[in-house]
Amino acid sequence: MVKTHPLGFRVEPELKEALERAAKDDMRSVSSMVEKILTMYLRDKGYLPKSAAE
């Protein structure tokens, strides 16, 4: 299993509520949703390689 690292940060209440709704709609935890959003952004900007499926 891949070892993960904790990451903590603060967000405005509106952003947290929107994130919770998005995670629920995608049937994910908030943590998993944040990871998905970060991964998509970083791939789009070229900081991470594109996946084979893209």
N, C-alpha and C. Protein backbone atom coordinates (compact mmCIF):
# COMPACT_ATOMS: atom_id res chain seq x y z
N MET A 1 0.84 -1.19 0.00
CA MET A 1 0.00 0.00 0.00
C MET A 1 0.88 1.24 0.00
N VAL A 2 0.48 2.24 -0.75
CA VAL A 2 1.22 3.49 -0.84
C VAL A 2 1.04 4.28 0.45
N LYS A 3 2.15 4.80 0.96
CA LYS A 3 2.08 5.63 2.16
C LYS A 3 1.64 7.03 1.76
N THR A 4 0.62 7.54 2.45
CA THR A 4 0.14 8.89 2.17
C THR A 4 0.60 9.83 3.27
N HIS A 5 0.53 11.11 2.99
CA HIS A 5 0.96 12.13 3.93
C HIS A 5 -0.21 13.05 4.26
N PRO A 6 -0.40 13.35 5.54
CA PRO A 6 -1.49 14.26 5.91
C PRO A 6 -1.20 15.69 5.45
N LEU A 7 -2.26 16.41 5.13
CA LEU A 7 -2.14 17.79 4.70
C LEU A 7 -3.32 18.54 5.28
N GLY A 8 -3.07 19.55 6.07
CA GLY A 8 -4.15 20.32 6.69
C GLY A 8 -4.14 21.76 6.20
N PHE A 9 -5.32 22.31 5.99
CA PHE A 9 -5.43 23.71 5.60
C PHE A 9 -6.82 24.22 5.95
N ARG A 10 -6.98 25.51 5.96
CA ARG A 10 -8.25 26.15 6.31
C ARG A 10 -8.90 26.70 5.05
N VAL A 11 -10.24 26.62 5.02
CA VAL A 11 -11.01 27.17 3.91
C VAL A 11 -12.22 27.92 4.46
N GLU A 12 -12.78 28.78 3.65
CA GLU A 12 -13.99 29.51 4.02
C GLU A 12 -15.15 28.52 4.16
N PRO A 13 -16.10 28.81 5.03
CA PRO A 13 -17.23 27.90 5.24
C PRO A 13 -17.99 27.57 3.95
N GLU A 14 -18.16 28.53 3.06
CA GLU A 14 -18.88 28.28 1.81
C GLU A 14 -18.15 27.27 0.94
N LEU A 15 -16.82 27.36 0.91
CA LEU A 15 -16.02 26.42 0.13
C LEU A 15 -16.12 25.02 0.72
N LYS A 16 -16.09 24.92 2.03
CA LYS A 16 -16.20 23.61 2.69
C LYS A 16 -17.56 22.99 2.41
N GLU A 17 -18.61 23.78 2.48
CA GLU A 17 -19.96 23.26 2.21
C GLU A 17 -20.08 22.78 0.77
N ALA A 18 -19.55 23.54 -0.17
CA ALA A 18 -19.59 23.15 -1.58
C ALA A 18 -18.79 21.87 -1.80
N LEU A 19 -17.64 21.77 -1.16
CA LEU A 19 -16.81 20.58 -1.27
C LEU A 19 -17.52 19.36 -0.71
N GLU A 20 -18.19 19.52 0.41
CA GLU A 20 -18.95 18.41 1.00
C GLU A 20 -20.08 17.96 0.08
N ARG A 21 -20.77 18.91 -0.55
CA ARG A 21 -21.84 18.55 -1.49
C ARG A 21 -21.28 17.82 -2.70
N ALA A 22 -20.17 18.33 -3.24
CA ALA A 22 -19.55 17.70 -4.41
C ALA A 22 -19.08 16.28 -4.08
N ALA A 23 -18.50 16.11 -2.90
CA ALA A 23 -18.02 14.79 -2.49
C ALA A 23 -19.21 13.83 -2.36
N LYS A 24 -20.27 14.29 -1.76
CA LYS A 24 -21.46 13.45 -1.60
C LYS A 24 -22.04 13.06 -2.96
N ASP A 25 -22.14 14.02 -3.87
CA ASP A 25 -22.67 13.75 -5.20
C ASP A 25 -21.81 12.76 -5.97
N ASP A 26 -20.51 12.75 -5.70
CA ASP A 26 -19.56 11.86 -6.38
C ASP A 26 -19.33 10.58 -5.57
N MET A 27 -20.08 10.43 -4.47
CA MET A 27 -19.97 9.27 -3.57
C MET A 27 -18.53 9.06 -3.09
N ARG A 28 -17.92 10.15 -2.62
CA ARG A 28 -16.55 10.15 -2.12
C ARG A 28 -16.51 10.80 -0.76
N SER A 29 -15.40 10.55 -0.06
CA SER A 29 -15.14 11.32 1.16
C SER A 29 -14.63 12.69 0.74
N VAL A 30 -14.67 13.63 1.65
CA VAL A 30 -14.13 14.97 1.36
C VAL A 30 -12.65 14.87 1.02
N SER A 31 -11.92 14.05 1.77
CA SER A 31 -10.49 13.88 1.51
C SER A 31 -10.25 13.34 0.10
N SER A 32 -11.02 12.36 -0.30
CA SER A 32 -10.88 11.79 -1.64
C SER A 32 -11.23 12.81 -2.71
N MET A 33 -12.24 13.64 -2.46
CA MET A 33 -12.64 14.67 -3.42
C MET A 33 -11.54 15.71 -3.57
N VAL A 34 -10.95 16.13 -2.47
CA VAL A 34 -9.84 17.09 -2.52
C VAL A 34 -8.69 16.51 -3.34
N GLU A 35 -8.37 15.25 -3.09
CA GLU A 35 -7.28 14.61 -3.83
C GLU A 35 -7.60 14.57 -5.33
N LYS A 36 -8.84 14.24 -5.68
CA LYS A 36 -9.25 14.20 -7.09
C LYS A 36 -9.12 15.58 -7.74
N ILE A 37 -9.62 16.60 -7.05
CA ILE A 37 -9.55 17.97 -7.60
C ILE A 37 -8.10 18.42 -7.77
N LEU A 38 -7.27 18.16 -6.77
CA LEU A 38 -5.86 18.55 -6.86
C LEU A 38 -5.15 17.81 -7.99
N THR A 39 -5.43 16.52 -8.11
CA THR A 39 -4.81 15.72 -9.17
C THR A 39 -5.21 16.24 -10.54
N MET A 40 -6.50 16.51 -10.73
CA MET A 40 -6.97 17.02 -12.02
C MET A 40 -6.31 18.36 -12.35
N TYR A 41 -6.24 19.25 -11.37
CA TYR A 41 -5.64 20.56 -11.59
C TYR A 41 -4.15 20.43 -11.93
N LEU A 42 -3.43 19.64 -11.15
CA LEU A 42 -1.99 19.50 -11.36
C LEU A 42 -1.66 18.81 -12.69
N ARG A 43 -2.49 17.87 -13.12
CA ARG A 43 -2.29 17.24 -14.43
C ARG A 43 -2.57 18.25 -15.53
N ASP A 44 -3.65 19.01 -15.38
CA ASP A 44 -4.03 20.00 -16.39
C ASP A 44 -2.95 21.06 -16.57
N LYS A 45 -2.29 21.43 -15.47
CA LYS A 45 -1.25 22.47 -15.52
C LYS A 45 0.14 21.91 -15.83
N GLY A 46 0.26 20.59 -15.97
CA GLY A 46 1.54 19.99 -16.34
C GLY A 46 2.46 19.66 -15.17
N TYR A 47 1.99 19.75 -13.95
CA TYR A 47 2.82 19.43 -12.79
C TYR A 47 2.87 17.92 -12.51
N LEU A 48 1.85 17.20 -13.01
CA LEU A 48 1.82 15.75 -12.93
C LEU A 48 1.65 15.23 -14.34
N PRO A 49 2.20 14.05 -14.63
CA PRO A 49 2.00 13.50 -15.98
C PRO A 49 0.55 13.13 -16.21
N LYS A 50 0.13 13.19 -17.48
CA LYS A 50 -1.22 12.77 -17.85
C LYS A 50 -1.32 11.27 -17.65
N SER A 51 -2.49 10.81 -17.23
CA SER A 51 -2.69 9.36 -17.06
C SER A 51 -2.83 8.71 -18.42
N ALA A 52 -2.66 7.40 -18.47
CA ALA A 52 -2.74 6.66 -19.73
C ALA A 52 -4.13 6.75 -20.34
N ALA A 53 -5.16 6.92 -19.50
CA ALA A 53 -6.54 6.98 -20.00
C ALA A 53 -6.86 8.29 -20.71
N GLU A 54 -6.05 9.31 -20.52
CA GLU A 54 -6.34 10.63 -21.12
C GLU A 54 -5.66 10.82 -22.45
